[in-house]
C-alpha atoms as a PDB file:
ATOM      1  CA  UNK A   1      -0.021   0.036  -0.136  1.00  0.00           C
ATOM      2  CA  UNK A   2       2.712   2.381  -1.294  1.00  0.00           C
ATOM      3  CA  UNK A   3       0.564   4.496  -3.725  1.00  0.00           C
ATOM      4  CA  UNK A   4       1.342   7.818  -2.203  1.00  0.00           C
ATOM      5  CA  UNK A   5       5.050   7.332  -2.074  1.00  0.00           C
ATOM      6  CA  UNK A   6       6.357   4.881  -5.019  1.00  0.00           C
ATOM      7  CA  UNK A   7       6.777   7.182  -8.266  1.00  0.00           C
ATOM      8  CA  UNK A   8       8.435   9.870  -6.315  1.00  0.00           C
ATOM      9  CA  UNK A   9      11.080   7.036  -4.401  1.00  0.00           C
ATOM     10  CA  UNK A  10      11.891   5.338  -8.191  1.00  0.00           C
ATOM     11  CA  UNK A  11      12.188   9.012  -9.138  1.00  0.00           C
ATOM     12  CA  UNK A  12      14.386   9.926  -6.548  1.00  0.00           C
ATOM     13  CA  UNK A  13      16.248   6.767  -6.345  1.00  0.00           C
ATOM     14  CA  UNK A  14      17.420   6.463 -10.524  1.00  0.00           C
ATOM     15  CA  UNK A  15      17.988  10.331  -9.871  1.00  0.00           C
ATOM     16  CA  UNK A  16      20.605   9.493  -7.338  1.00  0.00           C
ATOM     17  CA  UNK A  17      22.811   7.648  -9.846  1.00  0.00           C
ATOM     18  CA  UNK A  18      22.789   6.371 -13.541  1.00  0.00           C
ATOM     19  CA  UNK A  19      23.338   2.974 -12.789  1.00  0.00           C
ATOM     20  CA  UNK A  20      20.925   2.372 -11.013  1.00  0.00           C
ATOM     21  CA  UNK A  21      18.264  -0.341 -11.058  1.00  0.00           C
ATOM     22  CA  UNK A  22      15.476  -0.078  -8.975  1.00  0.00           C
ATOM     23  CA  UNK A  23      13.364  -3.488  -8.272  1.00  0.00           C
ATOM     24  CA  UNK A  24       9.635  -3.061  -6.863  1.00  0.00           C
ATOM     25  CA  UNK A  25       8.047  -5.965  -5.407  1.00  0.00           C
ATOM     26  CA  UNK A  26       4.327  -5.735  -4.242  1.00  0.00           C
ATOM     27  CA  UNK A  27       2.117  -8.268  -2.565  1.00  0.00           C
ATOM     28  CA  UNK A  28      -1.075  -6.819  -4.732  1.00  0.00           C
ATOM     29  CA  UNK A  29      -1.459  -4.128  -2.336  1.00  0.00           C
ATOM     30  CA  UNK A  30      -5.464  -3.049  -2.773  1.00  0.00           C
ATOM     31  CA  UNK A  31      -4.404   0.473  -2.937  1.00  0.00           C
ATOM     32  CA  UNK A  32      -3.375   0.204  -6.535  1.00  0.00           C
ATOM     33  CA  UNK A  33       0.468   0.382  -6.354  1.00  0.00           C
ATOM     34  CA  UNK A  34       1.259  -2.396  -8.858  1.00  0.00           C
ATOM     35  CA  UNK A  35      -0.523  -0.954 -11.367  1.00  0.00           C
ATOM     36  CA  UNK A  36       0.201   2.648 -10.325  1.00  0.00           C
ATOM     37  CA  UNK A  37       3.576   1.709 -11.073  1.00  0.00           C
ATOM     38  CA  UNK A  38       3.060  -0.341 -14.673  1.00  0.00           C
ATOM     39  CA  UNK A  39       1.725   2.535 -15.898  1.00  0.00           C
ATOM     40  CA  UNK A  40       4.388   4.945 -15.198  1.00  0.00           C
ATOM     41  CA  UNK A  41       6.979   2.474 -16.132  1.00  0.00           C
ATOM     42  CA  UNK A  42       4.861   2.673 -19.607  1.00  0.00           C
ATOM     43  CA  UNK A  43       4.412   6.135 -20.012  1.00  0.00           C
ATOM     44  CA  UNK A  44       8.324   7.227 -18.817  1.00  0.00           C
ATOM     45  CA  UNK A  45      10.787   6.818 -21.348  1.00  0.00           C
ATOM     46  CA  UNK A  46      13.488   7.437 -18.332  1.00  0.00           C
ATOM     47  CA  UNK A  47      12.555   4.759 -16.663  1.00  0.00           C
ATOM     48  CA  UNK A  48      13.177   2.153 -19.759  1.00  0.00           C
ATOM     49  CA  UNK A  49      14.895  -0.759 -18.651  1.00  0.00           C
ATOM     50  CA  UNK A  50      15.633   0.576 -15.131  1.00  0.00           C
ATOM     51  CA  UNK A  51      12.426  -0.632 -13.758  1.00  0.00           C
ATOM     52  CA  UNK A  52      11.324  -3.921 -12.876  1.00  0.00           C
ATOM     53  CA  UNK A  53       7.962  -4.710 -11.107  1.00  0.00           C
ATOM     54  CA  UNK A  54       7.443  -7.919  -9.284  1.00  0.00           C
ATOM     55  CA  UNK A  55       3.554  -8.651  -8.138  1.00  0.00           C
ATOM     56  CA  UNK A  56       2.616 -11.511  -5.385  1.00  0.00           C
ATOM     57  CA  UNK A  57      -0.503 -12.909  -6.028  1.00  0.00           C
ATOM     58  CA  UNK A  58      -1.322 -12.569  -1.706  1.00  0.00           C
ATOM     59  CA  UNK A  59       0.692 -10.684   1.276  1.00  0.00           C
ATOM     60  CA  UNK A  60       3.677 -13.241   1.869  1.00  0.00           C
ATOM     61  CA  UNK A  61       5.977 -10.808   4.586  1.00  0.00           C
ATOM     62  CA  UNK A  62       8.835  -8.558   3.757  1.00  0.00           C
ATOM     63  CA  UNK A  63      11.345 -11.649   4.040  1.00  0.00           C
ATOM     64  CA  UNK A  64       9.630 -13.363   1.347  1.00  0.00           C
ATOM     65  CA  UNK A  65       9.323 -10.009  -0.961  1.00  0.00           C
ATOM     66  CA  UNK A  66      13.359  -9.535  -0.308  1.00  0.00           C
ATOM     67  CA  UNK A  67      14.293 -12.638  -1.530  1.00  0.00           C
ATOM     68  CA  UNK A  68      12.664 -12.639  -4.732  1.00  0.00           C
ATOM     69  CA  UNK A  69      14.118  -9.347  -5.158  1.00  0.00           C
ATOM     70  CA  UNK A  70      16.864 -11.037  -5.007  1.00  0.00           C
ATOM     71  CA  UNK A  71      16.934 -13.806  -6.861  1.00  0.00           C
ATOM     72  CA  UNK A  72      15.898 -11.114  -9.503  1.00  0.00           C
ATOM     73  CA  UNK A  73      19.028  -8.988  -9.401  1.00  0.00           C
ATOM     74  CA  UNK A  74      21.367 -12.485  -9.124  1.00  0.00           C
ATOM     75  CA  UNK A  75      19.798 -13.748 -12.271  1.00  0.00           C
ATOM     76  CA  UNK A  76      20.559 -10.180 -14.253  1.00  0.00           C
ATOM     77  CA  UNK A  77      23.173  -9.559 -16.952  1.00  0.00           C
ATOM     78  CA  UNK A  78      25.504  -7.858 -16.614  1.00  0.00           C
ATOM     79  CA  UNK A  79      25.520  -9.423 -13.116  1.00  0.00           C
ATOM     80  CA  UNK A  80      24.916  -6.675 -10.137  1.00  0.00           C
ATOM     81  CA  UNK A  81      27.776  -6.318  -7.944  1.00  0.00           C
ATOM     82  CA  UNK A  82      25.957  -4.609  -4.946  1.00  0.00           C
ATOM     83  CA  UNK A  83      22.240  -5.076  -3.712  1.00  0.00           C
ATOM     84  CA  UNK A  84      20.535  -2.305  -1.563  1.00  0.00           C
ATOM     85  CA  UNK A  85      17.061  -3.268   0.440  1.00  0.00           C
ATOM     86  CA  UNK A  86      14.967  -0.620   1.575  1.00  0.00           C
ATOM     87  CA  UNK A  87      11.577   0.494   2.528  1.00  0.00           C
ATOM     88  CA  UNK A  88       9.101   2.695   0.131  1.00  0.00           C
ATOM     89  CA  UNK A  89       8.069   5.170   2.820  1.00  0.00           C
ATOM     90  CA  UNK A  90      11.064   7.434   2.540  1.00  0.00           C
ATOM     91  CA  UNK A  91      12.008   6.464   6.142  1.00  0.00           C
ATOM     92  CA  UNK A  92      15.434   5.374   4.213  1.00  0.00           C
ATOM     93  CA  UNK A  93      16.583   8.618   2.309  1.00  0.00           C
ATOM     94  CA  UNK A  94      17.976   8.367  -0.841  1.00  0.00           C
ATOM     95  CA  UNK A  95      20.837  10.347  -0.659  1.00  0.00           C
ATOM     96  CA  UNK A  96      22.476   8.143   2.056  1.00  0.00           C
ATOM     97  CA  UNK A  97      22.882   5.311  -0.424  1.00  0.00           C
ATOM     98  CA  UNK A  98      26.317   6.729  -1.551  1.00  0.00           C
ATOM     99  CA  UNK A  99      27.561   6.599   1.889  1.00  0.00           C
ATOM    100  CA  UNK A 100      26.300   3.066   2.519  1.00  0.00           C
ATOM    101  CA  UNK A 101      27.787   2.146  -0.982  1.00  0.00           C
ATOM    102  CA  UNK A 102      31.366   3.553  -0.692  1.00  0.00           C
ATOM    103  CA  UNK A 103      31.309   1.036   2.771  1.00  0.00           C
ATOM    104  CA  UNK A 104      31.160  -1.595   0.610  1.00  0.00           C
ATOM    105  CA  UNK A 105      33.516  -0.438  -1.033  1.00  0.00           C
ATOM    106  CA  UNK A 106      35.865  -0.188   1.800  1.00  0.00           C
ATOM    107  CA  UNK A 107      35.984  -4.530   1.700  1.00  0.00           C
ATOM    108  CA  UNK A 108      32.639  -4.801   3.923  1.00  0.00           C
ATOM    109  CA  UNK A 109      30.278  -7.323   2.590  1.00  0.00           C
ATOM    110  CA  UNK A 110      27.139  -5.820   4.511  1.00  0.00           C
ATOM    111  CA  UNK A 111      26.643  -2.213   5.675  1.00  0.00           C
ATOM    112  CA  UNK A 112      23.568  -1.202   7.683  1.00  0.00           C
ATOM    113  CA  UNK A 113      22.277   2.042   7.835  1.00  0.00           C
ATOM    114  CA  UNK A 114      21.567   2.076  11.225  1.00  0.00           C
ATOM    115  CA  UNK A 115      19.309   4.064  13.813  1.00  0.00           C
ATOM    116  CA  UNK A 116      21.462   2.721  16.736  1.00  0.00           C
ATOM    117  CA  UNK A 117      23.618   3.527  18.545  1.00  0.00           C
ATOM    118  CA  UNK A 118      24.321   7.348  16.887  1.00  0.00           C
ATOM    119  CA  UNK A 119      21.408   7.490  14.131  1.00  0.00           C
ATOM    120  CA  UNK A 120      18.126   9.763  14.625  1.00  0.00           C
ATOM    121  CA  UNK A 121      14.680   8.625  14.567  1.00  0.00           C
ATOM    122  CA  UNK A 122      12.084  11.245  14.707  1.00  0.00           C
ATOM    123  CA  UNK A 123       8.299  10.858  14.489  1.00  0.00           C
ATOM    124  CA  UNK A 124       7.742   7.567  15.648  1.00  0.00           C
ATOM    125  CA  UNK A 125       4.935   6.850  19.203  1.00  0.00           C
ATOM    126  CA  UNK A 126       6.794   5.940  22.161  1.00  0.00           C
ATOM    127  CA  UNK A 127       5.666   2.469  22.352  1.00  0.00           C
ATOM    128  CA  UNK A 128       7.695   1.788  18.772  1.00  0.00           C
ATOM    129  CA  UNK A 129      10.607   3.469  20.784  1.00  0.00           C
ATOM    130  CA  UNK A 130      10.414   0.871  23.336  1.00  0.00           C
ATOM    131  CA  UNK A 131       9.830  -2.535  21.002  1.00  0.00           C
ATOM    132  CA  UNK A 132      12.642  -1.578  18.739  1.00  0.00           C
ATOM    133  CA  UNK A 133      14.531  -0.918  21.978  1.00  0.00           C
ATOM    134  CA  UNK A 134      13.563  -4.244  23.354  1.00  0.00           C
ATOM    135  CA  UNK A 135      14.347  -6.447  19.610  1.00  0.00           C
ATOM    136  CA  UNK A 136      17.334  -5.256  19.433  1.00  0.00           C
ATOM    137  CA  UNK A 137      18.687  -5.521  22.995  1.00  0.00           C
ATOM    138  CA  UNK A 138      17.900  -9.174  22.443  1.00  0.00           C
ATOM    139  CA  UNK A 139      19.100  -9.808  19.194  1.00  0.00           C
ATOM    140  CA  UNK A 140      22.755  -7.965  20.579  1.00  0.00           C
ATOM    141  CA  UNK A 141      22.274 -10.522  23.739  1.00  0.00           C
ATOM    142  CA  UNK A 142      21.319 -13.857  21.380  1.00  0.00           C
ATOM    143  CA  UNK A 143      23.400 -13.222  18.317  1.00  0.00           C
ATOM    144  CA  UNK A 144      26.337 -10.641  18.053  1.00  0.00           C
ATOM    145  CA  UNK A 145      26.845  -7.622  20.524  1.00  0.00           C
ATOM    146  CA  UNK A 146      28.848  -5.716  17.961  1.00  0.00           C
ATOM    147  CA  UNK A 147      25.985  -4.853  15.479  1.00  0.00           C
ATOM    148  CA  UNK A 148      24.143  -2.385  17.044  1.00  0.00           C
ATOM    149  CA  UNK A 149      20.289  -2.154  14.390  1.00  0.00           C
ATOM    150  CA  UNK A 150      19.742  -5.902  13.709  1.00  0.00           C
ATOM    151  CA  UNK A 151      15.691  -4.567  12.717  1.00  0.00           C
ATOM    152  CA  UNK A 152      16.436  -1.617  10.338  1.00  0.00           C
ATOM    153  CA  UNK A 153      16.047  -2.777   6.597  1.00  0.00           C
ATOM    154  CA  UNK A 154      18.270  -0.195   5.132  1.00  0.00           C
ATOM    155  CA  UNK A 155      20.641  -2.429   3.953  1.00  0.00           C
ATOM    156  CA  UNK A 156      23.622  -2.778   1.242  1.00  0.00           C
ATOM    157  CA  UNK A 157      25.013  -6.013   0.295  1.00  0.00           C
ATOM    158  CA  UNK A 158      27.790  -7.196  -1.813  1.00  0.00           C
ATOM    159  CA  UNK A 159      27.143  -9.996  -3.970  1.00  0.00           C
ATOM    160  CA  UNK A 160      28.765 -12.504  -2.668  1.00  0.00           C
ATOM    161  CA  UNK A 161      26.466 -11.630   0.587  1.00  0.00           C
ATOM    162  CA  UNK A 162      22.967 -12.156  -1.454  1.00  0.00           C
ATOM    163  CA  UNK A 163      24.390 -15.360  -2.757  1.00  0.00           C
ATOM    164  CA  UNK A 164      24.448 -16.574   0.721  1.00  0.00           C
ATOM    165  CA  UNK A 165      20.993 -14.962   1.567  1.00  0.00           C
ATOM    166  CA  UNK A 166      19.407 -17.198  -1.570  1.00  0.00           C
ATOM    167  CA  UNK A 167      20.742 -20.081  -1.163  1.00  0.00           C
ATOM    168  CA  UNK A 168      19.672 -20.518   3.127  1.00  0.00           C
ATOM    169  CA  UNK A 169      16.220 -21.155   4.142  1.00  0.00           C
ATOM    170  CA  UNK A 170      13.686 -18.506   5.217  1.00  0.00           C
ATOM    171  CA  UNK A 171      11.926 -19.597   8.150  1.00  0.00           C
ATOM    172  CA  UNK A 172       9.877 -15.955   9.186  1.00  0.00           C
ATOM    173  CA  UNK A 173       8.173 -13.779   6.602  1.00  0.00           C
ATOM    174  CA  UNK A 174       7.922 -10.873   8.319  1.00  0.00           C
ATOM    175  CA  UNK A 175       9.904  -8.074   9.487  1.00  0.00           C
ATOM    176  CA  UNK A 176      12.175 -10.679  11.481  1.00  0.00           C
ATOM    177  CA  UNK A 177      13.357 -11.795   8.368  1.00  0.00           C
ATOM    178  CA  UNK A 178      15.973  -8.910   8.817  1.00  0.00           C
ATOM    179  CA  UNK A 179      17.374 -10.571  12.079  1.00  0.00           C
ATOM    180  CA  UNK A 180      17.372 -13.919  10.519  1.00  0.00           C
ATOM    181  CA  UNK A 181      18.965 -13.086   7.295  1.00  0.00           C
ATOM    182  CA  UNK A 182      22.000 -11.034   9.276  1.00  0.00           C
ATOM    183  CA  UNK A 183      21.972 -13.849  11.661  1.00  0.00           C
ATOM    184  CA  UNK A 184      23.207 -16.023   8.142  1.00  0.00           C
ATOM    185  CA  UNK A 185      25.482 -13.585   6.888  1.00  0.00           C
ATOM    186  CA  UNK A 186      27.487 -13.542  10.155  1.00  0.00           C
ATOM    187  CA  UNK A 187      27.480 -17.119  10.600  1.00  0.00           C
ATOM    188  CA  UNK A 188      28.953 -17.380   7.191  1.00  0.00           C
ATOM    189  CA  UNK A 189      31.753 -14.632   8.911  1.00  0.00           C
ATOM    190  CA  UNK A 190      30.945 -11.949   6.392  1.00  0.00           C
ATOM    191  CA  UNK A 191      32.317  -8.799   7.360  1.00  0.00           C
ATOM    192  CA  UNK A 192      29.660  -6.659   8.694  1.00  0.00           C
ATOM    193  CA  UNK A 193      29.959  -2.933   8.915  1.00  0.00           C
ATOM    194  CA  UNK A 194      27.231   0.725   9.638  1.00  0.00           C
ATOM    195  CA  UNK A 195      26.738   4.072   9.669  1.00  0.00           C
ATOM    196  CA  UNK A 196      24.004   6.480  10.812  1.00  0.00           C
ATOM    197  CA  UNK A 197      21.155   7.678   9.540  1.00  0.00           C
ATOM    198  CA  UNK A 198      18.347   9.865  10.306  1.00  0.00           C
ATOM    199  CA  UNK A 199      15.043   7.609  10.146  1.00  0.00           C
ATOM    200  CA  UNK A 200      12.197   9.943   9.922  1.00  0.00           C
ATOM    201  CA  UNK A 201       8.469   7.436   9.881  1.00  0.00           C
ATOM    202  CA  UNK A 202       6.291   7.878   7.262  1.00  0.00           C
ATOM    203  CA  UNK A 203       4.587  11.123   6.459  1.00  0.00           C
ATOM    204  CA  UNK A 204       2.275   9.670   3.628  1.00  0.00           C
ATOM    205  CA  UNK A 205       0.643   6.591   3.734  1.00  0.00           C
ATOM    206  CA  UNK A 206      -0.100   3.781   6.661  1.00  0.00           C
ATOM    207  CA  UNK A 207       2.621   1.196   8.180  1.00  0.00           C
ATOM    208  CA  UNK A 208       1.757  -1.932   8.012  1.00  0.00           C
ATOM    209  CA  UNK A 209       3.475  -3.314  10.923  1.00  0.00           C
ATOM    210  CA  UNK A 210       1.131  -3.813  13.622  1.00  0.00           C
ATOM    211  CA  UNK A 211       1.302  -4.900  16.948  1.00  0.00           C
ATOM    212  CA  UNK A 212       1.255  -8.468  15.927  1.00  0.00           C
ATOM    213  CA  UNK A 213       3.778  -8.315  13.862  1.00  0.00           C
ATOM    214  CA  UNK A 214       5.984  -6.535  16.124  1.00  0.00           C
ATOM    215  CA  UNK A 215       5.443  -9.146  18.917  1.00  0.00           C
ATOM    216  CA  UNK A 216       6.264 -12.140  16.545  1.00  0.00           C
ATOM    217  CA  UNK A 217       9.618 -10.381  16.069  1.00  0.00           C
ATOM    218  CA  UNK A 218      10.384 -10.094  19.613  1.00  0.00           C
ATOM    219  CA  UNK A 219       9.923 -14.105  19.799  1.00  0.00           C
ATOM    220  CA  UNK A 220      11.300 -14.709  16.782  1.00  0.00           C
ATOM    221  CA  UNK A 221      14.385 -13.355  17.595  1.00  0.00           C
ATOM    222  CA  UNK A 222      14.760 -15.756  20.491  1.00  0.00           C
ATOM    223  CA  UNK A 223      14.276 -18.854  17.979  1.00  0.00           C
ATOM    224  CA  UNK A 224      17.135 -17.016  15.585  1.00  0.00           C
ATOM    225  CA  UNK A 225      19.309 -16.400  18.693  1.00  0.00           C
ATOM    226  CA  UNK A 226      19.059 -20.010  19.735  1.00  0.00           C
ATOM    227  CA  UNK A 227      19.781 -21.309  15.347  1.00  0.00           C
ATOM    228  CA  UNK A 228      22.767 -18.942  15.346  1.00  0.00           C
ATOM    229  CA  UNK A 229      24.438 -20.340  18.527  1.00  0.00           C
ATOM    230  CA  UNK A 230      24.224 -23.495  17.205  1.00  0.00           C
ATOM    231  CA  UNK A 231      25.486 -23.030  13.973  1.00  0.00           C
ATOM    232  CA  UNK A 232      29.022 -23.683  12.850  1.00  0.00           C
ATOM    233  CA  UNK A 233      31.314 -20.936  11.948  1.00  0.00           C
ATOM    234  CA  UNK A 234      33.111 -20.629   9.009  1.00  0.00           C
END
């Protein structure tokens, strides 16, 4: 349900760098996100060959959407060397993308645009702050204390990192997949870095993250942490 944001976001991403491609994964949003994107892709010459839409028949969570986007990108020719995952509501600023890519070029396999410990979060209700802090506290304790932000979806990956993720089983479909996927990469011995970001709560549209998903994320982190501790290290 990102009809209020999708065209503006794709415009901003394509304008950031002429070498960028954009893949949008939409779970048949009832607000017509896919239909709007299809019309715009047909009308805009500057979008031709640089945008791709994957429309899935039912809501299947962020984790599955990200994986489908990665699979598309891994099959693209010529091959992509870097992948960026982000939300569609401008909480993650397109202008911050070059900074994340630069950190990949310095030898990191994964880079997180992080809210914690030094980033800024604006516009969240108190309960969102509390749940986010609890989830990250649990993840740092159960998985790896060196990572400050396990639950933000603004991430940068090398091709090597994405190849590992698409080969791993996906046990969680929602936002908790952010922690699950990172646990796989840490267990594989990949180099993870981060940089602080400014995170502004969405200004248009409505969040599809409800209390049920937040609670599922908190309980899911426990199982992810348990599996991580039992995984042999490379």
